[in-house]
Amino acid sequence: MNLTAIQQKIYDVRGEKIMFDFDLAALYEVETRILNQAIKRNKDSFPDDFMFKLTLQEWQDMSSQFVMTSGKRPKSALPYGFTEHGVTMLASVLKSPKARKMNIAIVRAFIALKKFVSEHGELVGQFMELKQRIGEHDIQLSQIYDAIENLLDSKAEERKWEERQRIGFKK
């Protein structure tokens, strides 16, 4: 499997780059329940900074961002997220040659992602600056629209006053 395909399965949750249990199971060519059973048997190898269960809100936010087939994940269970260290630890739990090869590819994908972010870190700053500017422009445009609306309202009031039905003597 190529590096890009693996990198597309890395998501940002809680400020961490993670992979979901069902994506890892697919890469290792095992069922998700088998992967999770192996992890439960070795729970002490996976502290919270290696693996965590997503909250319902996090899962709903994530599932709105990508399309999955219905058979990929049971609807009742929330997925586990594995950090880079958790993925590395999986190599000690899953002992098949396929799992070891895939683990190496996954670690390389995480490393390539970190390298990209470190090399293009200034872009993140520029994006944040642009986002702030756009926010400021939105506020300014809103103020301009309000001023135009007020001006149009006052003109409409003046027009109504001038076009009112007059009462009294005609000249």
C-alpha atoms as a PDB file:
ATOM      1  CA  MET A   1       0.000   0.000   0.000  1.00  0.00           C
ATOM      2  CA  ASN A   2       1.394   3.409  -0.876  1.00  0.00           C
ATOM      3  CA  LEU A   3       2.190   6.179   1.586  1.00  0.00           C
ATOM      4  CA  THR A   4      -0.494   8.557   0.316  1.00  0.00           C
ATOM      5  CA  ALA A   5      -3.273   6.017   0.840  1.00  0.00           C
ATOM      6  CA  ILE A   6      -2.158   5.534   4.440  1.00  0.00           C
ATOM      7  CA  GLN A   7      -1.792   9.286   5.041  1.00  0.00           C
ATOM      8  CA  GLN A   8      -5.402   9.766   3.939  1.00  0.00           C
ATOM      9  CA  LYS A   9      -6.436   7.559   6.868  1.00  0.00           C
ATOM     10  CA  ILE A  10      -4.713   9.827   9.413  1.00  0.00           C
ATOM     11  CA  TYR A  11      -7.080  12.265  11.101  1.00  0.00           C
ATOM     12  CA  ASP A  12      -6.733  15.096  13.583  1.00  0.00           C
ATOM     13  CA  VAL A  13      -8.704  14.509  16.801  1.00  0.00           C
ATOM     14  CA  ARG A  14      -8.045  16.234  20.152  1.00  0.00           C
ATOM     15  CA  GLY A  15      -4.999  17.858  18.618  1.00  0.00           C
ATOM     16  CA  GLU A  16      -3.456  14.444  17.895  1.00  0.00           C
ATOM     17  CA  LYS A  17      -2.847  12.722  14.587  1.00  0.00           C
ATOM     18  CA  ILE A  18      -4.677   9.402  14.868  1.00  0.00           C
ATOM     19  CA  MET A  19      -5.822   6.387  12.900  1.00  0.00           C
ATOM     20  CA  PHE A  20      -9.103   4.611  13.591  1.00  0.00           C
ATOM     21  CA  ASP A  21      -9.262   0.984  14.677  1.00  0.00           C
ATOM     22  CA  PHE A  22     -11.320  -0.007  11.621  1.00  0.00           C
ATOM     23  CA  ASP A  23      -8.805   1.592   9.227  1.00  0.00           C
ATOM     24  CA  LEU A  24      -5.937  -0.192  10.969  1.00  0.00           C
ATOM     25  CA  ALA A  25      -7.840  -3.480  10.871  1.00  0.00           C
ATOM     26  CA  ALA A  26      -8.372  -3.053   7.128  1.00  0.00           C
ATOM     27  CA  LEU A  27      -4.669  -2.321   6.607  1.00  0.00           C
ATOM     28  CA  TYR A  28      -3.657  -5.343   8.710  1.00  0.00           C
ATOM     29  CA  GLU A  29      -6.287  -7.435   6.895  1.00  0.00           C
ATOM     30  CA  VAL A  30      -8.043  -8.521  10.101  1.00  0.00           C
ATOM     31  CA  GLU A  31     -11.534  -7.849  11.402  1.00  0.00           C
ATOM     32  CA  THR A  32     -11.951  -4.830  13.675  1.00  0.00           C
ATOM     33  CA  ARG A  33     -13.267  -7.011  16.494  1.00  0.00           C
ATOM     34  CA  ILE A  34     -10.140  -9.223  16.284  1.00  0.00           C
ATOM     35  CA  LEU A  35      -7.915  -6.139  16.496  1.00  0.00           C
ATOM     36  CA  ASN A  36      -9.877  -4.796  19.474  1.00  0.00           C
ATOM     37  CA  GLN A  37      -9.783  -8.188  21.244  1.00  0.00           C
ATOM     38  CA  ALA A  38      -5.991  -8.282  20.907  1.00  0.00           C
ATOM     39  CA  ILE A  39      -5.803  -4.768  22.339  1.00  0.00           C
ATOM     40  CA  LYS A  40      -8.096  -5.647  25.268  1.00  0.00           C
ATOM     41  CA  ARG A  41      -5.873  -8.631  26.088  1.00  0.00           C
ATOM     42  CA  ASN A  42      -2.901  -6.215  26.217  1.00  0.00           C
ATOM     43  CA  LYS A  43      -4.652  -3.165  27.720  1.00  0.00           C
ATOM     44  CA  ASP A  44      -1.580  -2.197  29.779  1.00  0.00           C
ATOM     45  CA  SER A  45       0.366  -1.651  26.526  1.00  0.00           C
ATOM     46  CA  PHE A  46      -2.034   1.093  25.417  1.00  0.00           C
ATOM     47  CA  PRO A  47      -2.171   4.049  27.820  1.00  0.00           C
ATOM     48  CA  ASP A  48      -4.454   7.011  27.066  1.00  0.00           C
ATOM     49  CA  ASP A  49      -1.773   8.858  25.097  1.00  0.00           C
ATOM     50  CA  PHE A  50      -1.414   5.825  22.776  1.00  0.00           C
ATOM     51  CA  MET A  51      -5.096   5.020  22.268  1.00  0.00           C
ATOM     52  CA  PHE A  52      -8.460   6.490  23.251  1.00  0.00           C
ATOM     53  CA  LYS A  53     -12.125   5.909  22.523  1.00  0.00           C
ATOM     54  CA  LEU A  54     -13.795   8.759  20.666  1.00  0.00           C
ATOM     55  CA  THR A  55     -16.763  10.488  22.275  1.00  0.00           C
ATOM     56  CA  LEU A  56     -20.098  10.429  20.498  1.00  0.00           C
ATOM     57  CA  GLN A  57     -19.712  14.116  19.548  1.00  0.00           C
ATOM     58  CA  GLU A  58     -16.188  13.581  18.163  1.00  0.00           C
ATOM     59  CA  TRP A  59     -17.410  10.584  16.159  1.00  0.00           C
ATOM     60  CA  GLN A  60     -20.375  12.497  14.738  1.00  0.00           C
ATOM     61  CA  ASP A  61     -18.068  15.371  13.774  1.00  0.00           C
ATOM     62  CA  MET A  62     -15.628  12.976  12.097  1.00  0.00           C
ATOM     63  CA  SER A  63     -18.225  10.866  10.292  1.00  0.00           C
ATOM     64  CA  SER A  64     -19.717  13.966   8.731  1.00  0.00           C
ATOM     65  CA  GLN A  65     -16.325  14.605   7.096  1.00  0.00           C
ATOM     66  CA  PHE A  66     -15.979  11.325   5.251  1.00  0.00           C
ATOM     67  CA  VAL A  67     -18.119   8.629   3.682  1.00  0.00           C
ATOM     68  CA  MET A  68     -17.853   5.058   4.930  1.00  0.00           C
ATOM     69  CA  THR A  69     -19.513   1.896   3.816  1.00  0.00           C
ATOM     70  CA  SER A  70     -22.174   0.632   6.196  1.00  0.00           C
ATOM     71  CA  GLY A  71     -20.331  -2.610   6.929  1.00  0.00           C
ATOM     72  CA  LYS A  72     -17.110  -0.899   7.887  1.00  0.00           C
ATOM     73  CA  ARG A  73     -18.049   0.050  11.432  1.00  0.00           C
ATOM     74  CA  PRO A  74     -20.859  -1.100  13.721  1.00  0.00           C
ATOM     75  CA  LYS A  75     -23.224   1.760  14.444  1.00  0.00           C
ATOM     76  CA  SER A  76     -23.478   1.017  18.175  1.00  0.00           C
ATOM     77  CA  ALA A  77     -19.756   1.065  18.979  1.00  0.00           C
ATOM     78  CA  LEU A  78     -17.566   4.146  19.085  1.00  0.00           C
ATOM     79  CA  PRO A  79     -14.179   3.696  17.396  1.00  0.00           C
ATOM     80  CA  TYR A  80     -10.785   3.798  19.025  1.00  0.00           C
ATOM     81  CA  GLY A  81      -8.202   6.304  17.858  1.00  0.00           C
ATOM     82  CA  PHE A  82      -4.538   5.306  17.848  1.00  0.00           C
ATOM     83  CA  THR A  83      -1.742   7.853  17.995  1.00  0.00           C
ATOM     84  CA  GLU A  84       1.570   7.194  16.284  1.00  0.00           C
ATOM     85  CA  HIS A  85       2.854   5.523  19.459  1.00  0.00           C
ATOM     86  CA  GLY A  86      -0.259   3.359  19.692  1.00  0.00           C
ATOM     87  CA  VAL A  87       0.192   2.215  16.109  1.00  0.00           C
ATOM     88  CA  THR A  88       3.805   1.332  16.875  1.00  0.00           C
ATOM     89  CA  MET A  89       2.689  -0.621  19.948  1.00  0.00           C
ATOM     90  CA  LEU A  90       0.293  -2.640  17.772  1.00  0.00           C
ATOM     91  CA  ALA A  91       3.332  -4.335  16.225  1.00  0.00           C
ATOM     92  CA  SER A  92       3.989  -6.067  19.554  1.00  0.00           C
ATOM     93  CA  VAL A  93       0.344  -7.172  19.844  1.00  0.00           C
ATOM     94  CA  LEU A  94      -0.231  -8.323  16.251  1.00  0.00           C
ATOM     95  CA  LYS A  95       2.596 -10.660  15.414  1.00  0.00           C
ATOM     96  CA  SER A  96       1.820 -11.557  11.802  1.00  0.00           C
ATOM     97  CA  PRO A  97       4.362 -10.653   9.087  1.00  0.00           C
ATOM     98  CA  LYS A  98       1.662  -8.637   7.284  1.00  0.00           C
ATOM     99  CA  ALA A  99       1.059  -6.590  10.456  1.00  0.00           C
ATOM    100  CA  ARG A 100       4.772  -5.861  10.857  1.00  0.00           C
ATOM    101  CA  LYS A 101       5.160  -4.731   7.230  1.00  0.00           C
ATOM    102  CA  MET A 102       2.056  -2.576   7.453  1.00  0.00           C
ATOM    103  CA  ASN A 103       3.263  -1.112  10.749  1.00  0.00           C
ATOM    104  CA  ILE A 104       6.468   0.035   9.099  1.00  0.00           C
ATOM    105  CA  ALA A 105       4.477   1.678   6.297  1.00  0.00           C
ATOM    106  CA  ILE A 106       2.159   3.397   8.797  1.00  0.00           C
ATOM    107  CA  VAL A 107       5.054   4.730  10.877  1.00  0.00           C
ATOM    108  CA  ARG A 108       6.632   6.055   7.672  1.00  0.00           C
ATOM    109  CA  ALA A 109       3.344   7.805   6.853  1.00  0.00           C
ATOM    110  CA  PHE A 110       3.290   9.490  10.270  1.00  0.00           C
ATOM    111  CA  ILE A 111       6.927  10.538   9.841  1.00  0.00           C
ATOM    112  CA  ALA A 112       6.246  11.958   6.359  1.00  0.00           C
ATOM    113  CA  LEU A 113       3.276  13.884   7.743  1.00  0.00           C
ATOM    114  CA  LYS A 114       5.386  15.349  10.565  1.00  0.00           C
ATOM    115  CA  LYS A 115       8.112  16.269   8.085  1.00  0.00           C
ATOM    116  CA  PHE A 116       5.594  18.024   5.827  1.00  0.00           C
ATOM    117  CA  VAL A 117       4.158  20.001   8.742  1.00  0.00           C
ATOM    118  CA  SER A 118       7.611  21.008   9.983  1.00  0.00           C
ATOM    119  CA  GLU A 119       8.762  22.059   6.506  1.00  0.00           C
ATOM    120  CA  HIS A 120       5.573  23.988   5.791  1.00  0.00           C
ATOM    121  CA  GLY A 121       4.886  25.293   9.281  1.00  0.00           C
ATOM    122  CA  GLU A 122       4.938  28.893   8.062  1.00  0.00           C
ATOM    123  CA  LEU A 123       1.914  28.092   5.890  1.00  0.00           C
ATOM    124  CA  VAL A 124      -0.097  27.298   9.002  1.00  0.00           C
ATOM    125  CA  GLY A 125       0.748  30.739  10.372  1.00  0.00           C
ATOM    126  CA  GLN A 126      -0.214  32.374   7.103  1.00  0.00           C
ATOM    127  CA  PHE A 127      -3.529  30.500   7.014  1.00  0.00           C
ATOM    128  CA  MET A 128      -4.292  31.599  10.570  1.00  0.00           C
ATOM    129  CA  GLU A 129      -3.470  35.212   9.657  1.00  0.00           C
ATOM    130  CA  LEU A 130      -5.747  35.032   6.601  1.00  0.00           C
ATOM    131  CA  LYS A 131      -8.515  33.543   8.709  1.00  0.00           C
ATOM    132  CA  GLN A 132      -8.203  36.430  11.167  1.00  0.00           C
ATOM    133  CA  ARG A 133      -8.256  38.993   8.350  1.00  0.00           C
ATOM    134  CA  ILE A 134     -11.347  37.421   6.829  1.00  0.00           C
ATOM    135  CA  GLY A 135     -13.027  37.580  10.220  1.00  0.00           C
ATOM    136  CA  GLU A 136     -12.174  41.277  10.503  1.00  0.00           C
ATOM    137  CA  HIS A 137     -13.464  41.905   6.980  1.00  0.00           C
ATOM    138  CA  ASP A 138     -16.708  40.106   7.809  1.00  0.00           C
ATOM    139  CA  ILE A 139     -17.233  42.464  10.748  1.00  0.00           C
ATOM    140  CA  GLN A 140     -16.470  45.512   8.622  1.00  0.00           C
ATOM    141  CA  LEU A 141     -18.796  44.356   5.827  1.00  0.00           C
ATOM    142  CA  SER A 142     -21.538  43.735   8.356  1.00  0.00           C
ATOM    143  CA  GLN A 143     -21.141  47.299   9.648  1.00  0.00           C
ATOM    144  CA  ILE A 144     -21.278  48.669   6.087  1.00  0.00           C
ATOM    145  CA  TYR A 145     -24.441  46.666   5.337  1.00  0.00           C
ATOM    146  CA  ASP A 146     -26.049  47.963   8.542  1.00  0.00           C
ATOM    147  CA  ALA A 147     -25.182  51.566   7.616  1.00  0.00           C
ATOM    148  CA  ILE A 148     -26.625  51.142   4.101  1.00  0.00           C
ATOM    149  CA  GLU A 149     -29.766  49.552   5.515  1.00  0.00           C
ATOM    150  CA  ASN A 150     -30.206  52.435   7.994  1.00  0.00           C
ATOM    151  CA  LEU A 151     -29.693  54.971   5.202  1.00  0.00           C
ATOM    152  CA  LEU A 152     -32.275  53.226   2.997  1.00  0.00           C
ATOM    153  CA  ASP A 153     -34.723  53.064   5.907  1.00  0.00           C
ATOM    154  CA  SER A 154     -34.374  56.803   6.597  1.00  0.00           C
ATOM    155  CA  LYS A 155     -34.812  57.602   2.877  1.00  0.00           C
ATOM    156  CA  ALA A 156     -37.951  55.445   2.789  1.00  0.00           C
ATOM    157  CA  GLU A 157     -39.316  57.281   5.831  1.00  0.00           C
ATOM    158  CA  GLU A 158     -38.664  60.663   4.159  1.00  0.00           C
ATOM    159  CA  ARG A 159     -40.380  59.485   0.972  1.00  0.00           C
ATOM    160  CA  LYS A 160     -43.409  58.289   2.954  1.00  0.00           C
ATOM    161  CA  TRP A 161     -43.605  61.693   4.689  1.00  0.00           C
ATOM    162  CA  GLU A 162     -43.468  63.594   1.410  1.00  0.00           C
ATOM    163  CA  GLU A 163     -46.009  61.318  -0.294  1.00  0.00           C
ATOM    164  CA  ARG A 164     -48.476  61.300   2.602  1.00  0.00           C
ATOM    165  CA  GLN A 165     -52.064  62.337   2.060  1.00  0.00           C
ATOM    166  CA  ARG A 166     -52.283  66.013   2.976  1.00  0.00           C
ATOM    167  CA  ILE A 167     -54.936  67.430   5.221  1.00  0.00           C
ATOM    168  CA  GLY A 168     -55.902  71.070   5.197  1.00  0.00           C
ATOM    169  CA  PHE A 169     -56.119  73.975   2.769  1.00  0.00           C
ATOM    170  CA  LYS A 170     -54.929  73.648  -0.792  1.00  0.00           C
ATOM    171  CA  LYS A 171     -52.988  76.507  -2.253  1.00  0.00           C
END
